[in-house]
Amino acid sequence: MRVDAYRLKKGDKEDDEISEAEIEIDNSFFKRKFVPAVHQTMVASLSNSDVPLFNLFLSLRLAHTYKAISALEH
């Protein structure tokens, strides 16, 4: 963060162009990168006996979110 702030203060054209760049995050980012990273972090804090229950709840929640199951099945 400090490096970016320093470069922006200098007024380099390259840094100005980078700071104006727009990034679009689509659903595939969450499926491929974000959800696995959060899952790994959450599972690391659980005991081994609680991991299967956590996976069940998470899979039901994601299935409901992506409309793979109905509210009655959830």
PDB file of N, CA and C in Angstrom:
ATOM      1  N   MET A   1       0.823  -1.194   0.000  1.00  0.00           N
ATOM      2  CA  MET A   1       0.000   0.000   0.000  1.00  0.00           C
ATOM      3  C   MET A   1       0.868   1.259   0.000  1.00  0.00           C
ATOM      4  N   ARG A   2       1.944   1.254   0.733  1.00  0.00           N
ATOM      5  CA  ARG A   2       2.812   2.428   0.800  1.00  0.00           C
ATOM      6  C   ARG A   2       3.481   2.701  -0.535  1.00  0.00           C
ATOM      7  N   VAL A   3       3.848   1.651  -1.247  1.00  0.00           N
ATOM      8  CA  VAL A   3       4.505   1.820  -2.545  1.00  0.00           C
ATOM      9  C   VAL A   3       3.546   2.484  -3.521  1.00  0.00           C
ATOM     10  N   ASP A   4       2.288   2.056  -3.548  1.00  0.00           N
ATOM     11  CA  ASP A   4       1.304   2.658  -4.440  1.00  0.00           C
ATOM     12  C   ASP A   4       1.080   4.129  -4.100  1.00  0.00           C
ATOM     13  N   ALA A   5       0.997   4.444  -2.822  1.00  0.00           N
ATOM     14  CA  ALA A   5       0.788   5.830  -2.420  1.00  0.00           C
ATOM     15  C   ALA A   5       1.981   6.691  -2.818  1.00  0.00           C
ATOM     16  N   TYR A   6       3.183   6.161  -2.684  1.00  0.00           N
ATOM     17  CA  TYR A   6       4.384   6.903  -3.052  1.00  0.00           C
ATOM     18  C   TYR A   6       4.416   7.169  -4.545  1.00  0.00           C
ATOM     19  N   ARG A   7       4.081   6.174  -5.338  1.00  0.00           N
ATOM     20  CA  ARG A   7       4.116   6.333  -6.786  1.00  0.00           C
ATOM     21  C   ARG A   7       3.050   7.320  -7.253  1.00  0.00           C
ATOM     22  N   LEU A   8       1.889   7.305  -6.626  1.00  0.00           N
ATOM     23  CA  LEU A   8       0.842   8.239  -7.024  1.00  0.00           C
ATOM     24  C   LEU A   8       1.228   9.676  -6.670  1.00  0.00           C
ATOM     25  N   LYS A   9       1.962   9.846  -5.588  1.00  0.00           N
ATOM     26  CA  LYS A   9       2.406  11.186  -5.222  1.00  0.00           C
ATOM     27  C   LYS A   9       3.423  11.718  -6.230  1.00  0.00           C
ATOM     28  N   LYS A  10       4.233  10.820  -6.790  1.00  0.00           N
ATOM     29  CA  LYS A  10       5.229  11.241  -7.771  1.00  0.00           C
ATOM     30  C   LYS A  10       4.563  11.739  -9.049  1.00  0.00           C
ATOM     31  N   GLY A  11       3.380  11.210  -9.358  1.00  0.00           N
ATOM     32  CA  GLY A  11       2.668  11.667 -10.538  1.00  0.00           C
ATOM     33  C   GLY A  11       3.077  10.982 -11.817  1.00  0.00           C
ATOM     34  N   ASP A  12       3.575   9.760 -11.746  1.00  0.00           N
ATOM     35  CA  ASP A  12       3.941   9.023 -12.946  1.00  0.00           C
ATOM     36  C   ASP A  12       2.699   8.740 -13.778  1.00  0.00           C
ATOM     37  N   LYS A  13       2.825   8.864 -15.094  1.00  0.00           N
ATOM     38  CA  LYS A  13       1.693   8.596 -15.976  1.00  0.00           C
ATOM     39  C   LYS A  13       1.266   7.137 -15.903  1.00  0.00           C
ATOM     40  N   GLU A  14       2.239   6.216 -15.807  1.00  0.00           N
ATOM     41  CA  GLU A  14       1.913   4.794 -15.741  1.00  0.00           C
ATOM     42  C   GLU A  14       1.062   4.489 -14.517  1.00  0.00           C
ATOM     43  N   ASP A  15       1.395   5.088 -13.399  1.00  0.00           N
ATOM     44  CA  ASP A  15       0.649   4.827 -12.171  1.00  0.00           C
ATOM     45  C   ASP A  15      -0.750   5.408 -12.249  1.00  0.00           C
ATOM     46  N   ASP A  16      -0.892   6.556 -12.903  1.00  0.00           N
ATOM     47  CA  ASP A  16      -2.219   7.144 -13.063  1.00  0.00           C
ATOM     48  C   ASP A  16      -3.108   6.244 -13.912  1.00  0.00           C
ATOM     49  N   GLU A  17      -2.531   5.650 -14.954  1.00  0.00           N
ATOM     50  CA  GLU A  17      -3.299   4.755 -15.807  1.00  0.00           C
ATOM     51  C   GLU A  17      -3.694   3.497 -15.060  1.00  0.00           C
ATOM     52  N   ILE A  18      -2.802   2.981 -14.228  1.00  0.00           N
ATOM     53  CA  ILE A  18      -3.108   1.785 -13.448  1.00  0.00           C
ATOM     54  C   ILE A  18      -4.197   2.081 -12.428  1.00  0.00           C
ATOM     55  N   SER A  19      -4.160   3.238 -11.800  1.00  0.00           N
ATOM     56  CA  SER A  19      -5.155   3.549 -10.784  1.00  0.00           C
ATOM     57  C   SER A  19      -6.539   3.748 -11.390  1.00  0.00           C
ATOM     58  N   GLU A  20      -6.613   4.022 -12.680  1.00  0.00           N
ATOM     59  CA  GLU A  20      -7.900   4.215 -13.339  1.00  0.00           C
ATOM     60  C   GLU A  20      -8.429   2.939 -13.983  1.00  0.00           C
ATOM     61  N   ALA A  21      -7.680   1.855 -13.911  1.00  0.00           N
ATOM     62  CA  ALA A  21      -8.107   0.603 -14.533  1.00  0.00           C
ATOM     63  C   ALA A  21      -9.310   0.044 -13.790  1.00  0.00           C
ATOM     64  N   GLU A  22     -10.234  -0.528 -14.547  1.00  0.00           N
ATOM     65  CA  GLU A  22     -11.418  -1.145 -13.965  1.00  0.00           C
ATOM     66  C   GLU A  22     -11.277  -2.657 -14.062  1.00  0.00           C
ATOM     67  N   ILE A  23     -11.644  -3.318 -12.996  1.00  0.00           N
ATOM     68  CA  ILE A  23     -11.570  -4.776 -12.958  1.00  0.00           C
ATOM     69  C   ILE A  23     -12.980  -5.311 -12.755  1.00  0.00           C
ATOM     70  N   GLU A  24     -13.357  -6.226 -13.626  1.00  0.00           N
ATOM     71  CA  GLU A  24     -14.674  -6.848 -13.508  1.00  0.00           C
ATOM     72  C   GLU A  24     -14.508  -8.235 -12.905  1.00  0.00           C
ATOM     73  N   ILE A  25     -15.193  -8.461 -11.803  1.00  0.00           N
ATOM     74  CA  ILE A  25     -15.142  -9.764 -11.137  1.00  0.00           C
ATOM     75  C   ILE A  25     -16.450 -10.474 -11.431  1.00  0.00           C
ATOM     76  N   ASP A  26     -16.345 -11.589 -12.145  1.00  0.00           N
ATOM     77  CA  ASP A  26     -17.550 -12.329 -12.497  1.00  0.00           C
ATOM     78  C   ASP A  26     -17.728 -13.525 -11.568  1.00  0.00           C
ATOM     79  N   ASN A  27     -18.764 -14.275 -11.823  1.00  0.00           N
ATOM     80  CA  ASN A  27     -19.127 -15.401 -10.975  1.00  0.00           C
ATOM     81  C   ASN A  27     -18.071 -16.496 -10.993  1.00  0.00           C
ATOM     82  N   SER A  28     -17.371 -16.661 -12.097  1.00  0.00           N
ATOM     83  CA  SER A  28     -16.358 -17.712 -12.170  1.00  0.00           C
ATOM     84  C   SER A  28     -15.207 -17.448 -11.208  1.00  0.00           C
ATOM     85  N   PHE A  29     -14.901 -16.173 -10.937  1.00  0.00           N
ATOM     86  CA  PHE A  29     -13.861 -15.842  -9.958  1.00  0.00           C
ATOM     87  C   PHE A  29     -14.225 -16.391  -8.591  1.00  0.00           C
ATOM     88  N   PHE A  30     -15.488 -16.215  -8.203  1.00  0.00           N
ATOM     89  CA  PHE A  30     -15.909 -16.700  -6.898  1.00  0.00           C
ATOM     90  C   PHE A  30     -15.893 -18.224  -6.836  1.00  0.00           C
ATOM     91  N   LYS A  31     -16.296 -18.870  -7.930  1.00  0.00           N
ATOM     92  CA  LYS A  31     -16.320 -20.334  -7.946  1.00  0.00           C
ATOM     93  C   LYS A  31     -14.922 -20.927  -7.938  1.00  0.00           C
ATOM     94  N   ARG A  32     -14.009 -20.330  -8.660  1.00  0.00           N
ATOM     95  CA  ARG A  32     -12.671 -20.911  -8.832  1.00  0.00           C
ATOM     96  C   ARG A  32     -11.653 -20.445  -7.804  1.00  0.00           C
ATOM     97  N   LYS A  33     -11.765 -19.225  -7.340  1.00  0.00           N
ATOM     98  CA  LYS A  33     -10.722 -18.668  -6.468  1.00  0.00           C
ATOM     99  C   LYS A  33     -11.211 -18.356  -5.056  1.00  0.00           C
ATOM    100  N   PHE A  34     -12.283 -17.586  -4.966  1.00  0.00           N
ATOM    101  CA  PHE A  34     -12.692 -17.045  -3.671  1.00  0.00           C
ATOM    102  C   PHE A  34     -13.283 -18.106  -2.750  1.00  0.00           C
ATOM    103  N   VAL A  35     -14.241 -18.867  -3.234  1.00  0.00           N
ATOM    104  CA  VAL A  35     -14.893 -19.879  -2.394  1.00  0.00           C
ATOM    105  C   VAL A  35     -13.895 -20.932  -1.908  1.00  0.00           C
ATOM    106  N   PRO A  36     -13.023 -21.468  -2.780  1.00  0.00           N
ATOM    107  CA  PRO A  36     -12.034 -22.422  -2.257  1.00  0.00           C
ATOM    108  C   PRO A  36     -11.082 -21.821  -1.221  1.00  0.00           C
ATOM    109  N   ALA A  37     -10.701 -20.573  -1.407  1.00  0.00           N
ATOM    110  CA  ALA A  37      -9.807 -19.932  -0.437  1.00  0.00           C
ATOM    111  C   ALA A  37     -10.500 -19.737   0.907  1.00  0.00           C
ATOM    112  N   VAL A  38     -11.755 -19.304   0.886  1.00  0.00           N
ATOM    113  CA  VAL A  38     -12.510 -19.128   2.125  1.00  0.00           C
ATOM    114  C   VAL A  38     -12.758 -20.484   2.777  1.00  0.00           C
ATOM    115  N   HIS A  39     -13.079 -21.482   1.967  1.00  0.00           N
ATOM    116  CA  HIS A  39     -13.310 -22.824   2.505  1.00  0.00           C
ATOM    117  C   HIS A  39     -12.060 -23.345   3.200  1.00  0.00           C
ATOM    118  N   GLN A  40     -10.921 -23.197   2.583  1.00  0.00           N
ATOM    119  CA  GLN A  40      -9.672 -23.671   3.181  1.00  0.00           C
ATOM    120  C   GLN A  40      -9.398 -22.964   4.502  1.00  0.00           C
ATOM    121  N   THR A  41      -9.642 -21.675   4.553  1.00  0.00           N
ATOM    122  CA  THR A  41      -9.421 -20.904   5.774  1.00  0.00           C
ATOM    123  C   THR A  41     -10.369 -21.343   6.881  1.00  0.00           C
ATOM    124  N   MET A  42     -11.632 -21.528   6.526  1.00  0.00           N
ATOM    125  CA  MET A  42     -12.624 -21.930   7.524  1.00  0.00           C
ATOM    126  C   MET A  42     -12.352 -23.345   8.046  1.00  0.00           C
ATOM    127  N   VAL A  43     -12.032 -24.268   7.165  1.00  0.00           N
ATOM    128  CA  VAL A  43     -11.797 -25.651   7.568  1.00  0.00           C
ATOM    129  C   VAL A  43     -10.555 -25.752   8.457  1.00  0.00           C
ATOM    130  N   ALA A  44      -9.579 -24.907   8.214  1.00  0.00           N
ATOM    131  CA  ALA A  44      -8.360 -24.928   9.020  1.00  0.00           C
ATOM    132  C   ALA A  44      -8.636 -24.589  10.477  1.00  0.00           C
ATOM    133  N   SER A  45      -9.694 -23.842  10.735  1.00  0.00           N
ATOM    134  CA  SER A  45     -10.001 -23.450  12.110  1.00  0.00           C
ATOM    135  C   SER A  45     -10.941 -24.434  12.812  1.00  0.00           C
ATOM    136  N   LEU A  46     -11.398 -25.468  12.113  1.00  0.00           N
ATOM    137  CA  LEU A  46     -12.312 -26.450  12.696  1.00  0.00           C
ATOM    138  C   LEU A  46     -11.565 -27.707  13.113  1.00  0.00           C
ATOM    139  N   SER A  47     -12.164 -28.417  14.041  1.00  0.00           N
ATOM    140  CA  SER A  47     -11.599 -29.723  14.393  1.00  0.00           C
ATOM    141  C   SER A  47     -11.957 -30.721  13.297  1.00  0.00           C
ATOM    142  N   ASN A  48     -11.212 -31.798  13.217  1.00  0.00           N
ATOM    143  CA  ASN A  48     -11.425 -32.785  12.153  1.00  0.00           C
ATOM    144  C   ASN A  48     -12.828 -33.376  12.177  1.00  0.00           C
ATOM    145  N   SER A  49     -13.424 -33.504  13.331  1.00  0.00           N
ATOM    146  CA  SER A  49     -14.762 -34.092  13.413  1.00  0.00           C
ATOM    147  C   SER A  49     -15.855 -33.139  12.937  1.00  0.00           C
ATOM    148  N   ASP A  50     -15.580 -31.846  12.904  1.00  0.00           N
ATOM    149  CA  ASP A  50     -16.585 -30.857  12.483  1.00  0.00           C
ATOM    150  C   ASP A  50     -16.544 -30.538  10.993  1.00  0.00           C
ATOM    151  N   VAL A  51     -15.499 -30.948  10.301  1.00  0.00           N
ATOM    152  CA  VAL A  51     -15.336 -30.615   8.882  1.00  0.00           C
ATOM    153  C   VAL A  51     -16.454 -31.186   8.013  1.00  0.00           C
ATOM    154  N   PRO A  52     -16.845 -32.460   8.169  1.00  0.00           N
ATOM    155  CA  PRO A  52     -17.939 -32.969   7.324  1.00  0.00           C
ATOM    156  C   PRO A  52     -19.257 -32.224   7.510  1.00  0.00           C
ATOM    157  N   LEU A  53     -19.575 -31.837   8.736  1.00  0.00           N
ATOM    158  CA  LEU A  53     -20.808 -31.078   8.984  1.00  0.00           C
ATOM    159  C   LEU A  53     -20.728 -29.694   8.336  1.00  0.00           C
ATOM    160  N   PHE A  54     -19.581 -29.058   8.447  1.00  0.00           N
ATOM    161  CA  PHE A  54     -19.386 -27.763   7.800  1.00  0.00           C
ATOM    162  C   PHE A  54     -19.547 -27.888   6.290  1.00  0.00           C
ATOM    163  N   ASN A  55     -18.956 -28.934   5.702  1.00  0.00           N
ATOM    164  CA  ASN A  55     -19.067 -29.149   4.259  1.00  0.00           C
ATOM    165  C   ASN A  55     -20.517 -29.366   3.839  1.00  0.00           C
ATOM    166  N   LEU A  56     -21.282 -30.083   4.658  1.00  0.00           N
ATOM    167  CA  LEU A  56     -22.702 -30.287   4.366  1.00  0.00           C
ATOM    168  C   LEU A  56     -23.447 -28.963   4.344  1.00  0.00           C
ATOM    169  N   PHE A  57     -23.269 -28.154   5.381  1.00  0.00           N
ATOM    170  CA  PHE A  57     -23.956 -26.860   5.437  1.00  0.00           C
ATOM    171  C   PHE A  57     -23.538 -25.940   4.294  1.00  0.00           C
ATOM    172  N   LEU A  58     -22.256 -25.921   4.009  1.00  0.00           N
ATOM    173  CA  LEU A  58     -21.767 -25.071   2.928  1.00  0.00           C
ATOM    174  C   LEU A  58     -22.321 -25.526   1.578  1.00  0.00           C
ATOM    175  N   SER A  59     -22.324 -26.821   1.332  1.00  0.00           N
ATOM    176  CA  SER A  59     -22.830 -27.315   0.052  1.00  0.00           C
ATOM    177  C   SER A  59     -24.322 -27.046  -0.101  1.00  0.00           C
ATOM    178  N   LEU A  60     -25.088 -27.176   0.981  1.00  0.00           N
ATOM    179  CA  LEU A  60     -26.513 -26.846   0.906  1.00  0.00           C
ATOM    180  C   LEU A  60     -26.725 -25.360   0.628  1.00  0.00           C
ATOM    181  N   ARG A  61     -25.930 -24.535   1.276  1.00  0.00           N
ATOM    182  CA  ARG A  61     -26.050 -23.082   1.071  1.00  0.00           C
ATOM    183  C   ARG A  61     -25.698 -22.690  -0.362  1.00  0.00           C
ATOM    184  N   LEU A  62     -24.618 -23.240  -0.882  1.00  0.00           N
ATOM    185  CA  LEU A  62     -24.224 -22.920  -2.254  1.00  0.00           C
ATOM    186  C   LEU A  62     -25.227 -23.466  -3.263  1.00  0.00           C
ATOM    187  N   ALA A  63     -25.750 -24.651  -3.022  1.00  0.00           N
ATOM    188  CA  ALA A  63     -26.757 -25.223  -3.921  1.00  0.00           C
ATOM    189  C   ALA A  63     -28.009 -24.365  -3.935  1.00  0.00           C
ATOM    190  N   HIS A  64     -28.397 -23.861  -2.778  1.00  0.00           N
ATOM    191  CA  HIS A  64     -29.565 -22.981  -2.710  1.00  0.00           C
ATOM    192  C   HIS A  64     -29.279 -21.639  -3.396  1.00  0.00           C
ATOM    193  N   THR A  65     -28.087 -21.118  -3.215  1.00  0.00           N
ATOM    194  CA  THR A  65     -27.705 -19.849  -3.836  1.00  0.00           C
ATOM    195  C   THR A  65     -27.721 -19.947  -5.358  1.00  0.00           C
ATOM    196  N   TYR A  66     -27.228 -21.058  -5.897  1.00  0.00           N
ATOM    197  CA  TYR A  66     -27.172 -21.237  -7.345  1.00  0.00           C
ATOM    198  C   TYR A  66     -28.424 -21.898  -7.921  1.00  0.00           C
ATOM    199  N   LYS A  67     -29.477 -21.948  -7.112  1.00  0.00           N
ATOM    200  CA  LYS A  67     -30.790 -22.465  -7.538  1.00  0.00           C
ATOM    201  C   LYS A  67     -30.718 -23.920  -8.007  1.00  0.00           C
ATOM    202  N   ALA A  68     -29.793 -24.693  -7.443  1.00  0.00           N
ATOM    203  CA  ALA A  68     -29.701 -26.121  -7.771  1.00  0.00           C
ATOM    204  C   ALA A  68     -30.719 -26.918  -6.975  1.00  0.00           C
ATOM    205  N   ILE A  69     -31.144 -26.365  -5.818  1.00  0.00           N
ATOM    206  CA  ILE A  69     -32.178 -26.992  -5.024  1.00  0.00           C
ATOM    207  C   ILE A  69     -33.199 -25.934  -4.650  1.00  0.00           C
ATOM    208  N   SER A  70     -34.385 -26.372  -4.290  1.00  0.00           N
ATOM    209  CA  SER A  70     -35.437 -25.433  -3.914  1.00  0.00           C
ATOM    210  C   SER A  70     -35.356 -25.123  -2.415  1.00  0.00           C
ATOM    211  N   ALA A  71     -36.154 -24.179  -1.976  1.00  0.00           N
ATOM    212  CA  ALA A  71     -36.176 -23.817  -0.560  1.00  0.00           C
ATOM    213  C   ALA A  71     -36.694 -24.969   0.291  1.00  0.00           C
ATOM    214  N   LEU A  72     -37.610 -25.763  -0.252  1.00  0.00           N
ATOM    215  CA  LEU A  72     -38.126 -26.898   0.514  1.00  0.00           C
ATOM    216  C   LEU A  72     -37.057 -27.978   0.696  1.00  0.00           C
ATOM    217  N   GLU A  73     -36.220 -28.160  -0.299  1.00  0.00           N
ATOM    218  CA  GLU A  73     -35.135 -29.133  -0.175  1.00  0.00           C
ATOM    219  C   GLU A  73     -34.043 -28.641   0.756  1.00  0.00           C
ATOM    220  N   HIS A  74     -33.887 -27.349   0.840  1.00  0.00           N
ATOM    221  CA  HIS A  74     -32.856 -26.748   1.674  1.00  0.00           C
ATOM    222  C   HIS A  74     -33.255 -26.909   3.114  1.00  0.00           C
TER     223      HIS A  74
END
